[in-house]
């Protein structure tokens, strides 16, 4: 009984670590994509300003 309890706790910890890792990677990717989008928008704005100016 005690051995299976330890195994269960170990499995729960592993699942928790994996979940945290997945969430972290997802947020990081989302932030990177947002940053790229912001850079693209800024480049477009500069291009429009250059054309208008």
C-alpha atoms as a PDB file:
ATOM      1  CA  UNK A   1       0.000   0.000   0.000  1.00  0.00           C
ATOM      2  CA  UNK A   2       2.714   2.463   0.994  1.00  0.00           C
ATOM      3  CA  UNK A   3       4.739   1.672  -2.128  1.00  0.00           C
ATOM      4  CA  UNK A   4       1.792   2.329  -4.438  1.00  0.00           C
ATOM      5  CA  UNK A   5       1.115   5.568  -2.565  1.00  0.00           C
ATOM      6  CA  UNK A   6       4.662   6.753  -3.244  1.00  0.00           C
ATOM      7  CA  UNK A   7       4.308   5.769  -6.899  1.00  0.00           C
ATOM      8  CA  UNK A   8       1.054   7.706  -7.127  1.00  0.00           C
ATOM      9  CA  UNK A   9       2.653  10.810  -5.602  1.00  0.00           C
ATOM     10  CA  UNK A  10       5.649  10.500  -7.928  1.00  0.00           C
ATOM     11  CA  UNK A  11       3.332  10.190 -10.936  1.00  0.00           C
ATOM     12  CA  UNK A  12       1.342  13.235  -9.793  1.00  0.00           C
ATOM     13  CA  UNK A  13       4.544  15.268  -9.418  1.00  0.00           C
ATOM     14  CA  UNK A  14       5.701  14.252 -12.913  1.00  0.00           C
ATOM     15  CA  UNK A  15       2.315  15.182 -14.404  1.00  0.00           C
ATOM     16  CA  UNK A  16       2.454  18.526 -12.585  1.00  0.00           C
ATOM     17  CA  UNK A  17       5.960  19.266 -13.886  1.00  0.00           C
ATOM     18  CA  UNK A  18       4.933  18.372 -17.452  1.00  0.00           C
ATOM     19  CA  UNK A  19       1.805  20.553 -17.205  1.00  0.00           C
ATOM     20  CA  UNK A  20       3.822  23.525 -15.906  1.00  0.00           C
ATOM     21  CA  UNK A  21       6.380  23.008 -18.680  1.00  0.00           C
ATOM     22  CA  UNK A  22       3.712  22.910 -21.385  1.00  0.00           C
ATOM     23  CA  UNK A  23       2.028  26.053 -20.040  1.00  0.00           C
ATOM     24  CA  UNK A  24       5.375  27.871 -19.826  1.00  0.00           C
ATOM     25  CA  UNK A  25       6.314  26.941 -23.400  1.00  0.00           C
ATOM     26  CA  UNK A  26       2.853  27.920 -24.673  1.00  0.00           C
ATOM     27  CA  UNK A  27       3.040  31.341 -22.993  1.00  0.00           C
ATOM     28  CA  UNK A  28       6.612  31.856 -24.249  1.00  0.00           C
ATOM     29  CA  UNK A  29       5.610  31.008 -27.837  1.00  0.00           C
ATOM     30  CA  UNK A  30       2.587  33.313 -27.582  1.00  0.00           C
ATOM     31  CA  UNK A  31       4.751  36.176 -26.284  1.00  0.00           C
ATOM     32  CA  UNK A  32       7.285  35.628 -29.064  1.00  0.00           C
ATOM     33  CA  UNK A  33       4.532  35.650 -31.684  1.00  0.00           C
ATOM     34  CA  UNK A  34       3.073  38.833 -30.180  1.00  0.00           C
ATOM     35  CA  UNK A  35       6.508  40.468 -30.244  1.00  0.00           C
ATOM     36  CA  UNK A  36       6.959  39.524 -33.912  1.00  0.00           C
ATOM     37  CA  UNK A  37       3.533  40.968 -34.724  1.00  0.00           C
ATOM     38  CA  UNK A  38       4.406  44.218 -32.934  1.00  0.00           C
ATOM     39  CA  UNK A  39       7.662  44.444 -34.920  1.00  0.00           C
ATOM     40  CA  UNK A  40       5.779  43.864 -38.182  1.00  0.00           C
ATOM     41  CA  UNK A  41       3.202  46.531 -37.315  1.00  0.00           C
ATOM     42  CA  UNK A  42       5.941  49.032 -36.443  1.00  0.00           C
ATOM     43  CA  UNK A  43       7.719  48.309 -39.733  1.00  0.00           C
ATOM     44  CA  UNK A  44       4.465  48.868 -41.633  1.00  0.00           C
ATOM     45  CA  UNK A  45       3.826  52.137 -39.785  1.00  0.00           C
ATOM     46  CA  UNK A  46       7.329  53.355 -40.670  1.00  0.00           C
ATOM     47  CA  UNK A  47       6.781  52.383 -44.286  1.00  0.00           C
ATOM     48  CA  UNK A  48       3.478  54.285 -44.393  1.00  0.00           C
ATOM     49  CA  UNK A  49       5.087  57.322 -42.754  1.00  0.00           C
ATOM     50  CA  UNK A  50       7.927  57.239 -45.286  1.00  0.00           C
ATOM     51  CA  UNK A  51       5.431  57.003 -48.151  1.00  0.00           C
ATOM     52  CA  UNK A  52       3.270  59.797 -46.720  1.00  0.00           C
ATOM     53  CA  UNK A  53       6.274  61.962 -45.858  1.00  0.00           C
END
